[in-house]
Amino acid sequence: MKVISKAGRIEKFSSIVDRCQGKKVLDVGCVGQDRSSHSSDWLHGRIGKVAGSLLGVDINKEQMKVLNDQGYKIVLPEELEEINEK
């Protein structure tokens, strides 16, 4: 009988956050991400703590306003060209 070993589990969000350390990050679809913006597990918030700069993009205008009022920078996709971001 052949024994198959299990690969180690990688925690997805931690892996993403590690790759964003000190970088310029564009987070597309940042509003929901299955967690509340008040949660310490909210991916956009975690990225914001380590990234050199962070810009969020989403289509949920209502929630974008709430998050922008909290100090996040989140824009609509069509606004990227206006602010000269890619």
PDB file of N, CA and C in Angstrom:
ATOM      1  N   MET A   1       0.842  -1.182   0.000  1.00  0.00           N
ATOM      2  CA  MET A   1       0.000   0.000   0.000  1.00  0.00           C
ATOM      3  C   MET A   1       0.888   1.247   0.000  1.00  0.00           C
ATOM      4  N   LYS A   2       0.585   2.158  -0.910  1.00  0.00           N
ATOM      5  CA  LYS A   2       1.368   3.391  -1.043  1.00  0.00           C
ATOM      6  C   LYS A   2       0.857   4.425  -0.045  1.00  0.00           C
ATOM      7  N   VAL A   3       1.761   5.048   0.686  1.00  0.00           N
ATOM      8  CA  VAL A   3       1.407   6.072   1.667  1.00  0.00           C
ATOM      9  C   VAL A   3       1.545   7.443   1.009  1.00  0.00           C
ATOM     10  N   ILE A   4       0.512   8.217   1.120  1.00  0.00           N
ATOM     11  CA  ILE A   4       0.519   9.573   0.563  1.00  0.00           C
ATOM     12  C   ILE A   4       0.555  10.547   1.719  1.00  0.00           C
ATOM     13  N   SER A   5       1.514  11.438   1.693  1.00  0.00           N
ATOM     14  CA  SER A   5       1.597  12.434   2.769  1.00  0.00           C
ATOM     15  C   SER A   5       0.785  13.672   2.389  1.00  0.00           C
ATOM     16  N   LYS A   6       0.259  14.306   3.397  1.00  0.00           N
ATOM     17  CA  LYS A   6      -0.523  15.529   3.178  1.00  0.00           C
ATOM     18  C   LYS A   6       0.408  16.726   3.067  1.00  0.00           C
ATOM     19  N   ALA A   7       0.062  17.613   2.178  1.00  0.00           N
ATOM     20  CA  ALA A   7       0.798  18.876   2.067  1.00  0.00           C
ATOM     21  C   ALA A   7       0.353  19.794   3.193  1.00  0.00           C
ATOM     22  N   GLY A   8       1.226  20.669   3.617  1.00  0.00           N
ATOM     23  CA  GLY A   8       0.874  21.638   4.656  1.00  0.00           C
ATOM     24  C   GLY A   8      -0.173  22.609   4.145  1.00  0.00           C
ATOM     25  N   ARG A   9      -1.023  23.025   5.025  1.00  0.00           N
ATOM     26  CA  ARG A   9      -2.089  23.960   4.660  1.00  0.00           C
ATOM     27  C   ARG A   9      -1.548  25.381   4.697  1.00  0.00           C
ATOM     28  N   ILE A  10      -1.828  26.135   3.663  1.00  0.00           N
ATOM     29  CA  ILE A  10      -1.428  27.538   3.606  1.00  0.00           C
ATOM     30  C   ILE A  10      -2.660  28.386   3.860  1.00  0.00           C
ATOM     31  N   GLU A  11      -2.588  29.278   4.818  1.00  0.00           N
ATOM     32  CA  GLU A  11      -3.692  30.176   5.103  1.00  0.00           C
ATOM     33  C   GLU A  11      -3.674  31.258   4.034  1.00  0.00           C
ATOM     34  N   LYS A  12      -4.712  31.272   3.191  1.00  0.00           N
ATOM     35  CA  LYS A  12      -4.767  32.133   2.008  1.00  0.00           C
ATOM     36  C   LYS A  12      -4.540  33.606   2.328  1.00  0.00           C
ATOM     37  N   PHE A  13      -5.256  34.156   3.288  1.00  0.00           N
ATOM     38  CA  PHE A  13      -5.136  35.579   3.564  1.00  0.00           C
ATOM     39  C   PHE A  13      -3.735  35.946   4.044  1.00  0.00           C
ATOM     40  N   SER A  14      -3.150  35.124   4.885  1.00  0.00           N
ATOM     41  CA  SER A  14      -1.791  35.416   5.361  1.00  0.00           C
ATOM     42  C   SER A  14      -0.801  35.406   4.209  1.00  0.00           C
ATOM     43  N   SER A  15      -0.982  34.481   3.290  1.00  0.00           N
ATOM     44  CA  SER A  15      -0.119  34.397   2.120  1.00  0.00           C
ATOM     45  C   SER A  15      -0.244  35.665   1.265  1.00  0.00           C
ATOM     46  N   ILE A  16      -1.459  36.135   1.078  1.00  0.00           N
ATOM     47  CA  ILE A  16      -1.692  37.365   0.305  1.00  0.00           C
ATOM     48  C   ILE A  16      -1.059  38.563   1.003  1.00  0.00           C
ATOM     49  N   VAL A  17      -1.299  38.686   2.300  1.00  0.00           N
ATOM     50  CA  VAL A  17      -0.765  39.809   3.070  1.00  0.00           C
ATOM     51  C   VAL A  17       0.762  39.808   3.020  1.00  0.00           C
ATOM     52  N   ASP A  18       1.381  38.640   3.141  1.00  0.00           N
ATOM     53  CA  ASP A  18       2.837  38.553   3.078  1.00  0.00           C
ATOM     54  C   ASP A  18       3.371  39.076   1.750  1.00  0.00           C
ATOM     55  N   ARG A  19       2.667  38.802   0.673  1.00  0.00           N
ATOM     56  CA  ARG A  19       3.122  39.233  -0.657  1.00  0.00           C
ATOM     57  C   ARG A  19       2.929  40.741  -0.881  1.00  0.00           C
ATOM     58  N   CYS A  20       2.124  41.382  -0.045  1.00  0.00           N
ATOM     59  CA  CYS A  20       1.831  42.815  -0.201  1.00  0.00           C
ATOM     60  C   CYS A  20       2.767  43.703   0.611  1.00  0.00           C
ATOM     61  N   GLN A  21       3.625  43.120   1.421  1.00  0.00           N
ATOM     62  CA  GLN A  21       4.510  43.862   2.317  1.00  0.00           C
ATOM     63  C   GLN A  21       5.296  44.934   1.560  1.00  0.00           C
ATOM     64  N   GLY A  22       5.035  46.212   1.887  1.00  0.00           N
ATOM     65  CA  GLY A  22       5.773  47.334   1.325  1.00  0.00           C
ATOM     66  C   GLY A  22       5.477  47.658  -0.131  1.00  0.00           C
ATOM     67  N   LYS A  23       4.507  46.991  -0.734  1.00  0.00           N
ATOM     68  CA  LYS A  23       4.236  47.182  -2.159  1.00  0.00           C
ATOM     69  C   LYS A  23       3.050  48.105  -2.400  1.00  0.00           C
ATOM     70  N   LYS A  24       2.946  48.570  -3.636  1.00  0.00           N
ATOM     71  CA  LYS A  24       1.790  49.340  -4.101  1.00  0.00           C
ATOM     72  C   LYS A  24       0.731  48.312  -4.513  1.00  0.00           C
ATOM     73  N   VAL A  25      -0.431  48.333  -3.844  1.00  0.00           N
ATOM     74  CA  VAL A  25      -1.428  47.278  -4.037  1.00  0.00           C
ATOM     75  C   VAL A  25      -2.747  47.848  -4.537  1.00  0.00           C
ATOM     76  N   LEU A  26      -3.320  47.188  -5.539  1.00  0.00           N
ATOM     77  CA  LEU A  26      -4.663  47.472  -6.026  1.00  0.00           C
ATOM     78  C   LEU A  26      -5.523  46.282  -5.620  1.00  0.00           C
ATOM     79  N   ASP A  27      -6.499  46.509  -4.754  1.00  0.00           N
ATOM     80  CA  ASP A  27      -7.366  45.445  -4.243  1.00  0.00           C
ATOM     81  C   ASP A  27      -8.724  45.550  -4.927  1.00  0.00           C
ATOM     82  N   VAL A  28      -8.954  44.676  -5.898  1.00  0.00           N
ATOM     83  CA  VAL A  28     -10.185  44.690  -6.682  1.00  0.00           C
ATOM     84  C   VAL A  28     -11.249  43.852  -5.976  1.00  0.00           C
ATOM     85  N   GLY A  29     -12.436  44.443  -5.797  1.00  0.00           N
ATOM     86  CA  GLY A  29     -13.524  43.749  -5.111  1.00  0.00           C
ATOM     87  C   GLY A  29     -13.306  43.725  -3.612  1.00  0.00           C
ATOM     88  N   CYS A  30     -12.843  44.828  -3.067  1.00  0.00           N
ATOM     89  CA  CYS A  30     -12.393  44.870  -1.675  1.00  0.00           C
ATOM     90  C   CYS A  30     -13.495  45.036  -0.637  1.00  0.00           C
ATOM     91  N   VAL A  31     -14.678  45.457  -1.033  1.00  0.00           N
ATOM     92  CA  VAL A  31     -15.702  45.805  -0.047  1.00  0.00           C
ATOM     93  C   VAL A  31     -16.173  44.616   0.767  1.00  0.00           C
ATOM     94  N   GLY A  32     -16.622  43.566   0.160  1.00  0.00           N
ATOM     95  CA  GLY A  32     -17.185  42.446   0.907  1.00  0.00           C
ATOM     96  C   GLY A  32     -16.153  41.534   1.508  1.00  0.00           C
ATOM     97  N   GLN A  33     -15.528  40.754   0.685  1.00  0.00           N
ATOM     98  CA  GLN A  33     -14.481  39.825   1.095  1.00  0.00           C
ATOM     99  C   GLN A  33     -14.899  38.950   2.268  1.00  0.00           C
ATOM    100  N   ASP A  34     -16.179  38.658   2.375  1.00  0.00           N
ATOM    101  CA  ASP A  34     -16.722  37.731   3.372  1.00  0.00           C
ATOM    102  C   ASP A  34     -16.515  38.143   4.825  1.00  0.00           C
ATOM    103  N   ARG A  35     -16.091  39.368   5.066  1.00  0.00           N
ATOM    104  CA  ARG A  35     -15.881  39.811   6.441  1.00  0.00           C
ATOM    105  C   ARG A  35     -16.244  41.290   6.561  1.00  0.00           C
ATOM    106  N   SER A  36     -16.610  41.695   7.740  1.00  0.00           N
ATOM    107  CA  SER A  36     -16.915  43.089   8.022  1.00  0.00           C
ATOM    108  C   SER A  36     -15.621  43.891   8.078  1.00  0.00           C
ATOM    109  N   SER A  37     -15.699  45.140   7.697  1.00  0.00           N
ATOM    110  CA  SER A  37     -14.514  45.996   7.760  1.00  0.00           C
ATOM    111  C   SER A  37     -14.061  46.223   9.206  1.00  0.00           C
ATOM    112  N   HIS A  38     -14.892  45.895  10.165  1.00  0.00           N
ATOM    113  CA  HIS A  38     -14.525  46.036  11.577  1.00  0.00           C
ATOM    114  C   HIS A  38     -13.808  44.800  12.107  1.00  0.00           C
ATOM    115  N   SER A  39     -13.770  43.740  11.305  1.00  0.00           N
ATOM    116  CA  SER A  39     -13.115  42.495  11.710  1.00  0.00           C
ATOM    117  C   SER A  39     -11.614  42.594  11.489  1.00  0.00           C
ATOM    118  N   SER A  40     -10.840  42.050  12.409  1.00  0.00           N
ATOM    119  CA  SER A  40      -9.384  42.029  12.234  1.00  0.00           C
ATOM    120  C   SER A  40      -8.979  41.090  11.104  1.00  0.00           C
ATOM    121  N   ASP A  41      -9.908  40.261  10.629  1.00  0.00           N
ATOM    122  CA  ASP A  41      -9.640  39.333   9.526  1.00  0.00           C
ATOM    123  C   ASP A  41     -10.023  39.900   8.161  1.00  0.00           C
ATOM    124  N   TRP A  42     -10.506  41.144   8.100  1.00  0.00           N
ATOM    125  CA  TRP A  42     -10.887  41.736   6.817  1.00  0.00           C
ATOM    126  C   TRP A  42      -9.626  41.923   5.988  1.00  0.00           C
ATOM    127  N   LEU A  43      -9.569  41.291   4.829  1.00  0.00           N
ATOM    128  CA  LEU A  43      -8.352  41.263   4.020  1.00  0.00           C
ATOM    129  C   LEU A  43      -7.869  42.658   3.633  1.00  0.00           C
ATOM    130  N   HIS A  44      -8.746  43.527   3.193  1.00  0.00           N
ATOM    131  CA  HIS A  44      -8.330  44.877   2.780  1.00  0.00           C
ATOM    132  C   HIS A  44      -7.672  45.612   3.946  1.00  0.00           C
ATOM    133  N   GLY A  45      -8.233  45.482   5.125  1.00  0.00           N
ATOM    134  CA  GLY A  45      -7.649  46.115   6.310  1.00  0.00           C
ATOM    135  C   GLY A  45      -6.284  45.543   6.651  1.00  0.00           C
ATOM    136  N   ARG A  46      -6.153  44.229   6.521  1.00  0.00           N
ATOM    137  CA  ARG A  46      -4.865  43.583   6.804  1.00  0.00           C
ATOM    138  C   ARG A  46      -3.806  44.018   5.793  1.00  0.00           C
ATOM    139  N   ILE A  47      -4.192  44.106   4.533  1.00  0.00           N
ATOM    140  CA  ILE A  47      -3.249  44.552   3.505  1.00  0.00           C
ATOM    141  C   ILE A  47      -2.824  45.997   3.788  1.00  0.00           C
ATOM    142  N   GLY A  48      -3.777  46.834   4.175  1.00  0.00           N
ATOM    143  CA  GLY A  48      -3.492  48.238   4.446  1.00  0.00           C
ATOM    144  C   GLY A  48      -2.460  48.453   5.534  1.00  0.00           C
ATOM    145  N   LYS A  49      -2.350  47.499   6.446  1.00  0.00           N
ATOM    146  CA  LYS A  49      -1.375  47.622   7.542  1.00  0.00           C
ATOM    147  C   LYS A  49       0.052  47.349   7.094  1.00  0.00           C
ATOM    148  N   VAL A  50       0.224  46.643   5.954  1.00  0.00           N
ATOM    149  CA  VAL A  50       1.574  46.267   5.542  1.00  0.00           C
ATOM    150  C   VAL A  50       2.001  46.842   4.192  1.00  0.00           C
ATOM    151  N   ALA A  51       1.052  47.239   3.369  1.00  0.00           N
ATOM    152  CA  ALA A  51       1.372  47.714   2.012  1.00  0.00           C
ATOM    153  C   ALA A  51       2.012  49.091   2.051  1.00  0.00           C
ATOM    154  N   GLY A  52       2.828  49.364   1.049  1.00  0.00           N
ATOM    155  CA  GLY A  52       3.385  50.700   0.895  1.00  0.00           C
ATOM    156  C   GLY A  52       2.287  51.695   0.579  1.00  0.00           C
ATOM    157  N   SER A  53       1.369  51.287  -0.287  1.00  0.00           N
ATOM    158  CA  SER A  53       0.161  52.067  -0.581  1.00  0.00           C
ATOM    159  C   SER A  53      -0.923  51.082  -1.003  1.00  0.00           C
ATOM    160  N   LEU A  54      -2.162  51.474  -0.782  1.00  0.00           N
ATOM    161  CA  LEU A  54      -3.291  50.591  -1.065  1.00  0.00           C
ATOM    162  C   LEU A  54      -4.448  51.386  -1.646  1.00  0.00           C
ATOM    163  N   LEU A  55      -4.955  50.897  -2.760  1.00  0.00           N
ATOM    164  CA  LEU A  55      -6.139  51.469  -3.391  1.00  0.00           C
ATOM    165  C   LEU A  55      -7.127  50.340  -3.600  1.00  0.00           C
ATOM    166  N   GLY A  56      -8.353  50.543  -3.150  1.00  0.00           N
ATOM    167  CA  GLY A  56      -9.399  49.557  -3.350  1.00  0.00           C
ATOM    168  C   GLY A  56     -10.288  49.954  -4.520  1.00  0.00           C
ATOM    169  N   VAL A  57     -10.833  48.949  -5.199  1.00  0.00           N
ATOM    170  CA  VAL A  57     -11.761  49.167  -6.306  1.00  0.00           C
ATOM    171  C   VAL A  57     -12.965  48.274  -6.074  1.00  0.00           C
ATOM    172  N   ASP A  58     -14.159  48.859  -6.213  1.00  0.00           N
ATOM    173  CA  ASP A  58     -15.377  48.074  -6.040  1.00  0.00           C
ATOM    174  C   ASP A  58     -16.527  48.786  -6.743  1.00  0.00           C
ATOM    175  N   ILE A  59     -17.669  48.107  -6.820  1.00  0.00           N
ATOM    176  CA  ILE A  59     -18.854  48.694  -7.449  1.00  0.00           C
ATOM    177  C   ILE A  59     -19.956  48.984  -6.439  1.00  0.00           C
ATOM    178  N   ASN A  60     -19.762  48.635  -5.194  1.00  0.00           N
ATOM    179  CA  ASN A  60     -20.747  48.853  -4.139  1.00  0.00           C
ATOM    180  C   ASN A  60     -20.593  50.289  -3.611  1.00  0.00           C
ATOM    181  N   LYS A  61     -21.294  51.218  -4.246  1.00  0.00           N
ATOM    182  CA  LYS A  61     -21.138  52.643  -3.929  1.00  0.00           C
ATOM    183  C   LYS A  61     -21.487  52.974  -2.480  1.00  0.00           C
ATOM    184  N   GLU A  62     -22.526  52.362  -1.965  1.00  0.00           N
ATOM    185  CA  GLU A  62     -22.971  52.655  -0.595  1.00  0.00           C
ATOM    186  C   GLU A  62     -21.895  52.276   0.421  1.00  0.00           C
ATOM    187  N   GLN A  63     -21.379  51.079   0.308  1.00  0.00           N
ATOM    188  CA  GLN A  63     -20.359  50.628   1.260  1.00  0.00           C
ATOM    189  C   GLN A  63     -19.023  51.334   1.025  1.00  0.00           C
ATOM    190  N   MET A  64     -18.748  51.693  -0.232  1.00  0.00           N
ATOM    191  CA  MET A  64     -17.529  52.443  -0.525  1.00  0.00           C
ATOM    192  C   MET A  64     -17.516  53.760   0.242  1.00  0.00           C
ATOM    193  N   LYS A  65     -18.654  54.439   0.267  1.00  0.00           N
ATOM    194  CA  LYS A  65     -18.732  55.722   0.982  1.00  0.00           C
ATOM    195  C   LYS A  65     -18.428  55.526   2.468  1.00  0.00           C
ATOM    196  N   VAL A  66     -19.011  54.494   3.048  1.00  0.00           N
ATOM    197  CA  VAL A  66     -18.776  54.200   4.467  1.00  0.00           C
ATOM    198  C   VAL A  66     -17.282  53.972   4.720  1.00  0.00           C
ATOM    199  N   LEU A  67     -16.662  53.158   3.878  1.00  0.00           N
ATOM    200  CA  LEU A  67     -15.239  52.850   4.063  1.00  0.00           C
ATOM    201  C   LEU A  67     -14.345  54.044   3.790  1.00  0.00           C
ATOM    202  N   ASN A  68     -14.673  54.835   2.775  1.00  0.00           N
ATOM    203  CA  ASN A  68     -13.891  56.052   2.512  1.00  0.00           C
ATOM    204  C   ASN A  68     -14.000  57.018   3.685  1.00  0.00           C
ATOM    205  N   ASP A  69     -15.179  57.095   4.309  1.00  0.00           N
ATOM    206  CA  ASP A  69     -15.357  57.943   5.495  1.00  0.00           C
ATOM    207  C   ASP A  69     -14.514  57.441   6.670  1.00  0.00           C
ATOM    208  N   GLN A  70     -14.165  56.149   6.651  1.00  0.00           N
ATOM    209  CA  GLN A  70     -13.319  55.554   7.702  1.00  0.00           C
ATOM    210  C   GLN A  70     -11.829  55.708   7.384  1.00  0.00           C
ATOM    211  N   GLY A  71     -11.512  56.333   6.240  1.00  0.00           N
ATOM    212  CA  GLY A  71     -10.116  56.593   5.910  1.00  0.00           C
ATOM    213  C   GLY A  71      -9.524  55.709   4.823  1.00  0.00           C
ATOM    214  N   TYR A  72     -10.297  54.758   4.317  1.00  0.00           N
ATOM    215  CA  TYR A  72      -9.816  53.928   3.218  1.00  0.00           C
ATOM    216  C   TYR A  72      -9.966  54.700   1.912  1.00  0.00           C
ATOM    217  N   LYS A  73      -9.187  54.320   0.902  1.00  0.00           N
ATOM    218  CA  LYS A  73      -9.304  54.938  -0.414  1.00  0.00           C
ATOM    219  C   LYS A  73      -9.838  53.872  -1.366  1.00  0.00           C
ATOM    220  N   ILE A  74     -11.137  53.985  -1.688  1.00  0.00           N
ATOM    221  CA  ILE A  74     -11.790  53.017  -2.554  1.00  0.00           C
ATOM    222  C   ILE A  74     -12.524  53.779  -3.653  1.00  0.00           C
ATOM    223  N   VAL A  75     -12.314  53.349  -4.883  1.00  0.00           N
ATOM    224  CA  VAL A  75     -12.904  54.027  -6.035  1.00  0.00           C
ATOM    225  C   VAL A  75     -13.675  53.042  -6.898  1.00  0.00           C
ATOM    226  N   LEU A  76     -14.465  53.603  -7.802  1.00  0.00           N
ATOM    227  CA  LEU A  76     -15.159  52.799  -8.804  1.00  0.00           C
ATOM    228  C   LEU A  76     -14.170  52.435  -9.913  1.00  0.00           C
ATOM    229  N   PRO A  77     -14.379  51.331 -10.627  1.00  0.00           N
ATOM    230  CA  PRO A  77     -13.451  50.955 -11.704  1.00  0.00           C
ATOM    231  C   PRO A  77     -13.229  52.070 -12.725  1.00  0.00           C
ATOM    232  N   GLU A  78     -14.305  52.766 -13.084  1.00  0.00           N
ATOM    233  CA  GLU A  78     -14.165  53.817 -14.099  1.00  0.00           C
ATOM    234  C   GLU A  78     -13.386  55.038 -13.598  1.00  0.00           C
ATOM    235  N   GLU A  79     -13.165  55.145 -12.302  1.00  0.00           N
ATOM    236  CA  GLU A  79     -12.396  56.261 -11.747  1.00  0.00           C
ATOM    237  C   GLU A  79     -10.889  56.037 -11.811  1.00  0.00           C
ATOM    238  N   LEU A  80     -10.458  54.813 -12.077  1.00  0.00           N
ATOM    239  CA  LEU A  80      -9.026  54.527 -12.107  1.00  0.00           C
ATOM    240  C   LEU A  80      -8.291  55.376 -13.131  1.00  0.00           C
ATOM    241  N   GLU A  81      -8.860  55.521 -14.300  1.00  0.00           N
ATOM    242  CA  GLU A  81      -8.210  56.312 -15.347  1.00  0.00           C
ATOM    243  C   GLU A  81      -8.145  57.777 -14.941  1.00  0.00           C
ATOM    244  N   GLU A  82      -9.195  58.278 -14.304  1.00  0.00           N
ATOM    245  CA  GLU A  82      -9.236  59.683 -13.873  1.00  0.00           C
ATOM    246  C   GLU A  82      -8.136  59.997 -12.872  1.00  0.00           C
ATOM    247  N   ILE A  83      -7.836  59.062 -11.994  1.00  0.00           N
ATOM    248  CA  ILE A  83      -6.801  59.304 -10.978  1.00  0.00           C
ATOM    249  C   ILE A  83      -5.448  58.753 -11.408  1.00  0.00           C
ATOM    250  N   ASN A  84      -5.384  58.344 -12.692  1.00  0.00           N
ATOM    251  CA  ASN A  84      -4.139  57.871 -13.301  1.00  0.00           C
ATOM    252  C   ASN A  84      -3.563  56.667 -12.563  1.00  0.00           C
ATOM    253  N   GLU A  85      -4.411  55.712 -12.243  1.00  0.00           N
ATOM    254  CA  GLU A  85      -3.974  54.474 -11.590  1.00  0.00           C
ATOM    255  C   GLU A  85      -4.291  53.290 -12.492  1.00  0.00           C
ATOM    256  N   LYS A  86      -3.521  52.257 -12.348  1.00  0.00           N
ATOM    257  CA  LYS A  86      -3.738  51.022 -13.100  1.00  0.00           C
ATOM    258  C   LYS A  86      -4.035  49.892 -12.145  1.00  0.00           C
TER     259      LYS A  86
END
